N, C-alpha and C. Protein backbone atom coordinates (compact mmCIF):
# COMPACT_ATOMS: atom_id res chain seq x y z
N UNK A 1 -52.64 -154.56 133.02
CA UNK A 1 -53.47 -153.38 133.13
C UNK A 1 -54.91 -153.82 133.06
N UNK A 2 -55.69 -153.48 134.05
CA UNK A 2 -57.11 -153.82 134.08
C UNK A 2 -57.91 -152.52 134.21
N UNK A 3 -58.35 -151.99 133.07
CA UNK A 3 -59.07 -150.71 133.11
C UNK A 3 -60.42 -150.82 133.78
N UNK A 4 -60.81 -149.72 134.40
CA UNK A 4 -62.17 -149.60 134.94
C UNK A 4 -63.11 -149.38 133.75
N UNK A 5 -64.40 -149.32 134.00
CA UNK A 5 -65.35 -149.03 132.92
C UNK A 5 -65.03 -147.68 132.29
N UNK A 6 -64.70 -146.69 133.12
CA UNK A 6 -64.33 -145.37 132.60
C UNK A 6 -63.05 -145.48 131.76
N UNK A 7 -62.13 -146.32 132.20
CA UNK A 7 -60.90 -146.54 131.45
C UNK A 7 -61.17 -147.16 130.09
N UNK A 8 -62.08 -148.14 130.04
CA UNK A 8 -62.46 -148.75 128.76
C UNK A 8 -63.09 -147.71 127.83
N UNK A 9 -63.92 -146.84 128.39
CA UNK A 9 -64.54 -145.80 127.56
C UNK A 9 -63.48 -144.87 126.97
N UNK A 10 -62.47 -144.51 127.77
CA UNK A 10 -61.39 -143.65 127.27
C UNK A 10 -60.57 -144.38 126.20
N UNK A 11 -60.27 -145.67 126.44
CA UNK A 11 -59.54 -146.45 125.43
C UNK A 11 -60.34 -146.56 124.15
N UNK A 12 -61.64 -146.86 124.27
CA UNK A 12 -62.49 -146.97 123.08
C UNK A 12 -62.47 -145.66 122.29
N UNK A 13 -62.57 -144.54 123.00
CA UNK A 13 -62.56 -143.24 122.33
C UNK A 13 -61.22 -143.02 121.61
N UNK A 14 -60.11 -143.34 122.27
CA UNK A 14 -58.79 -143.15 121.68
C UNK A 14 -58.60 -144.06 120.47
N UNK A 15 -59.14 -145.27 120.51
CA UNK A 15 -58.98 -146.24 119.42
C UNK A 15 -60.05 -146.08 118.34
N UNK A 16 -61.02 -145.22 118.56
CA UNK A 16 -62.07 -145.03 117.57
C UNK A 16 -63.07 -146.17 117.56
N UNK A 17 -63.21 -146.86 118.69
CA UNK A 17 -64.14 -147.99 118.77
C UNK A 17 -65.55 -147.48 119.01
N UNK A 18 -66.54 -148.08 118.43
CA UNK A 18 -66.48 -149.24 117.54
C UNK A 18 -66.42 -148.88 116.06
N UNK A 19 -66.25 -147.61 115.73
CA UNK A 19 -66.24 -147.16 114.33
C UNK A 19 -65.05 -147.71 113.55
N UNK A 20 -63.84 -147.49 114.06
CA UNK A 20 -62.62 -147.84 113.33
C UNK A 20 -62.06 -149.18 113.82
N UNK A 21 -62.04 -149.36 115.12
CA UNK A 21 -61.54 -150.60 115.73
C UNK A 21 -62.62 -151.19 116.61
N UNK A 22 -62.53 -152.48 116.87
CA UNK A 22 -63.44 -153.09 117.82
C UNK A 22 -62.64 -153.91 118.82
N UNK A 23 -63.17 -154.02 120.02
CA UNK A 23 -62.53 -154.81 121.07
C UNK A 23 -62.81 -156.28 120.85
N UNK A 24 -61.78 -157.11 121.01
CA UNK A 24 -61.96 -158.56 120.91
C UNK A 24 -61.18 -159.24 122.02
N UNK A 25 -61.74 -160.32 122.58
CA UNK A 25 -60.99 -161.07 123.58
C UNK A 25 -59.91 -161.92 122.90
N UNK A 26 -58.76 -162.04 123.53
CA UNK A 26 -57.67 -162.86 123.01
C UNK A 26 -57.06 -163.66 124.16
N UNK A 27 -56.42 -164.76 123.81
CA UNK A 27 -55.68 -165.57 124.77
C UNK A 27 -54.20 -165.42 124.45
N UNK A 28 -53.39 -165.16 125.47
CA UNK A 28 -51.96 -164.96 125.30
C UNK A 28 -51.19 -165.95 126.14
N UNK A 29 -50.01 -166.31 125.67
CA UNK A 29 -49.11 -167.13 126.47
C UNK A 29 -48.13 -166.21 127.18
N UNK A 30 -48.07 -166.30 128.48
CA UNK A 30 -47.15 -165.49 129.27
C UNK A 30 -45.84 -166.25 129.44
N UNK A 31 -44.85 -165.92 128.62
CA UNK A 31 -43.57 -166.63 128.64
C UNK A 31 -42.85 -166.47 129.97
N UNK A 32 -43.07 -165.36 130.65
CA UNK A 32 -42.39 -165.12 131.93
C UNK A 32 -42.87 -166.07 133.02
N UNK A 33 -44.07 -166.61 132.88
CA UNK A 33 -44.59 -167.51 133.91
C UNK A 33 -44.71 -168.94 133.39
N UNK A 34 -43.85 -169.30 132.45
CA UNK A 34 -43.82 -170.67 131.97
C UNK A 34 -44.90 -171.02 130.97
N UNK A 35 -45.41 -170.06 130.25
CA UNK A 35 -46.37 -170.35 129.21
C UNK A 35 -47.81 -170.42 129.67
N UNK A 36 -48.13 -169.79 130.78
CA UNK A 36 -49.50 -169.77 131.27
C UNK A 36 -50.36 -168.94 130.31
N UNK A 37 -51.54 -169.45 130.00
CA UNK A 37 -52.47 -168.72 129.13
C UNK A 37 -53.20 -167.68 129.97
N UNK A 38 -53.18 -166.44 129.48
CA UNK A 38 -53.90 -165.37 130.17
C UNK A 38 -54.90 -164.76 129.20
N UNK A 39 -55.99 -164.27 129.74
CA UNK A 39 -57.01 -163.61 128.93
C UNK A 39 -56.66 -162.13 128.81
N UNK A 40 -56.90 -161.58 127.64
CA UNK A 40 -56.63 -160.17 127.40
C UNK A 40 -57.66 -159.64 126.41
N UNK A 41 -57.57 -158.36 126.15
CA UNK A 41 -58.43 -157.71 125.18
C UNK A 41 -57.54 -156.97 124.20
N UNK A 42 -57.89 -157.03 122.93
CA UNK A 42 -57.14 -156.32 121.90
C UNK A 42 -58.12 -155.54 121.05
N UNK A 43 -57.59 -154.58 120.32
CA UNK A 43 -58.40 -153.83 119.36
C UNK A 43 -58.01 -154.30 117.97
N UNK A 44 -58.99 -154.57 117.14
CA UNK A 44 -58.78 -155.05 115.78
C UNK A 44 -59.46 -154.08 114.81
N UNK A 45 -58.76 -153.76 113.73
CA UNK A 45 -59.32 -152.83 112.74
C UNK A 45 -60.56 -153.43 112.09
N UNK A 46 -61.59 -152.63 111.96
CA UNK A 46 -62.82 -153.09 111.32
C UNK A 46 -62.68 -153.08 109.80
N UNK A 47 -61.95 -152.12 109.27
CA UNK A 47 -61.76 -152.00 107.83
C UNK A 47 -60.27 -151.84 107.57
N UNK A 48 -59.72 -152.66 106.72
CA UNK A 48 -58.30 -152.58 106.43
C UNK A 48 -58.04 -151.57 105.32
N UNK A 49 -57.08 -150.74 105.54
CA UNK A 49 -56.64 -149.79 104.52
C UNK A 49 -55.72 -150.52 103.56
N UNK A 50 -55.55 -150.00 102.34
CA UNK A 50 -54.66 -150.66 101.38
C UNK A 50 -53.21 -150.71 101.86
N UNK A 51 -52.79 -149.77 102.68
CA UNK A 51 -51.43 -149.75 103.19
C UNK A 51 -51.48 -149.37 104.67
N UNK A 52 -50.49 -149.81 105.43
CA UNK A 52 -50.48 -149.44 106.86
C UNK A 52 -50.44 -147.92 107.03
N UNK A 53 -51.07 -147.47 108.08
CA UNK A 53 -51.09 -146.05 108.40
C UNK A 53 -50.21 -145.86 109.63
N UNK A 54 -49.24 -144.98 109.54
CA UNK A 54 -48.34 -144.73 110.66
C UNK A 54 -49.09 -144.09 111.82
N UNK A 55 -48.79 -144.52 113.04
CA UNK A 55 -49.44 -143.89 114.20
C UNK A 55 -48.90 -142.48 114.41
N UNK A 56 -49.67 -141.68 115.10
CA UNK A 56 -49.22 -140.33 115.40
C UNK A 56 -48.08 -140.40 116.42
N UNK A 57 -47.28 -139.36 116.47
CA UNK A 57 -46.18 -139.32 117.44
C UNK A 57 -46.72 -139.34 118.87
N UNK A 58 -47.88 -138.73 119.10
CA UNK A 58 -48.48 -138.75 120.43
C UNK A 58 -48.85 -140.17 120.84
N UNK A 59 -49.35 -140.95 119.89
CA UNK A 59 -49.72 -142.34 120.19
C UNK A 59 -48.46 -143.16 120.51
N UNK A 60 -47.40 -142.98 119.70
CA UNK A 60 -46.15 -143.71 119.92
C UNK A 60 -45.59 -143.37 121.30
N UNK A 61 -45.61 -142.10 121.66
CA UNK A 61 -45.11 -141.67 122.97
C UNK A 61 -45.93 -142.30 124.10
N UNK A 62 -47.23 -142.39 123.91
CA UNK A 62 -48.11 -143.01 124.91
C UNK A 62 -47.75 -144.48 125.09
N UNK A 63 -47.55 -145.20 124.00
CA UNK A 63 -47.19 -146.61 124.06
C UNK A 63 -45.81 -146.77 124.71
N UNK A 64 -44.87 -145.91 124.34
CA UNK A 64 -43.53 -145.98 124.95
C UNK A 64 -43.60 -145.77 126.46
N UNK A 65 -44.39 -144.80 126.91
CA UNK A 65 -44.53 -144.57 128.35
C UNK A 65 -45.12 -145.80 129.04
N UNK A 66 -46.12 -146.41 128.42
CA UNK A 66 -46.74 -147.60 129.01
C UNK A 66 -45.77 -148.76 129.10
N UNK A 67 -45.01 -148.98 128.03
CA UNK A 67 -44.01 -150.05 128.05
C UNK A 67 -42.96 -149.78 129.12
N UNK A 68 -42.46 -148.55 129.18
CA UNK A 68 -41.43 -148.19 130.16
C UNK A 68 -41.95 -148.35 131.58
N UNK A 69 -43.20 -147.98 131.82
CA UNK A 69 -43.79 -148.09 133.15
C UNK A 69 -43.83 -149.53 133.63
N UNK A 70 -43.91 -150.47 132.69
CA UNK A 70 -43.97 -151.89 133.04
C UNK A 70 -42.63 -152.59 132.84
N UNK A 71 -41.58 -151.81 132.55
CA UNK A 71 -40.25 -152.39 132.37
C UNK A 71 -40.12 -153.23 131.12
N UNK A 72 -40.99 -153.01 130.14
CA UNK A 72 -40.97 -153.79 128.91
C UNK A 72 -40.01 -153.15 127.91
N UNK A 73 -39.34 -153.96 127.10
CA UNK A 73 -38.40 -153.40 126.12
C UNK A 73 -39.14 -152.66 125.01
N UNK A 74 -38.46 -151.69 124.42
CA UNK A 74 -39.05 -150.88 123.35
C UNK A 74 -38.67 -151.37 121.97
N UNK A 75 -37.78 -152.36 121.88
CA UNK A 75 -37.26 -152.80 120.57
C UNK A 75 -38.36 -153.26 119.63
N UNK A 76 -39.31 -154.05 120.12
CA UNK A 76 -40.37 -154.57 119.25
C UNK A 76 -41.23 -153.43 118.70
N UNK A 77 -41.50 -152.44 119.54
CA UNK A 77 -42.27 -151.28 119.09
C UNK A 77 -41.52 -150.55 117.99
N UNK A 78 -40.25 -150.29 118.23
CA UNK A 78 -39.46 -149.55 117.24
C UNK A 78 -39.31 -150.33 115.94
N UNK A 79 -39.18 -151.66 116.04
CA UNK A 79 -39.09 -152.48 114.83
C UNK A 79 -40.41 -152.41 114.05
N UNK A 80 -41.54 -152.44 114.76
CA UNK A 80 -42.83 -152.37 114.09
C UNK A 80 -43.00 -151.03 113.39
N UNK A 81 -42.50 -149.97 113.99
CA UNK A 81 -42.63 -148.64 113.39
C UNK A 81 -41.83 -148.51 112.12
N UNK A 82 -40.79 -149.32 111.95
CA UNK A 82 -40.00 -149.27 110.72
C UNK A 82 -40.77 -149.81 109.52
N UNK A 83 -41.86 -150.55 109.78
CA UNK A 83 -42.62 -151.17 108.69
C UNK A 83 -43.83 -150.36 108.26
N UNK A 84 -44.00 -149.16 108.80
CA UNK A 84 -45.13 -148.31 108.37
C UNK A 84 -44.64 -147.01 107.79
C-alpha cells in the first residue's frame, strides 16, 4: 500500500499523529520474495501507557478488511488481540 499525500494525512489523523503516534521508517524482510529487504513506514507510540489499550472494534474491522483485501491471514491479528 502506497498512500498518496492525502492518504498519509488521513492515516495520521486516524493514528493521532504526531500527538499520540509518530511515523517512522522501517526495513522489513519480505519472506515471500526470498528475504528481500523492503522499506516501509510504521506508527510508533510517543508515550507508553502502563498497560496495553485495546483497539476499538471499528479499528479492528478496518485492519481485518485490509488484511483480507491483500489475502493475508487474520490469525496473527487475532492472537495479538488476545493480549490486550
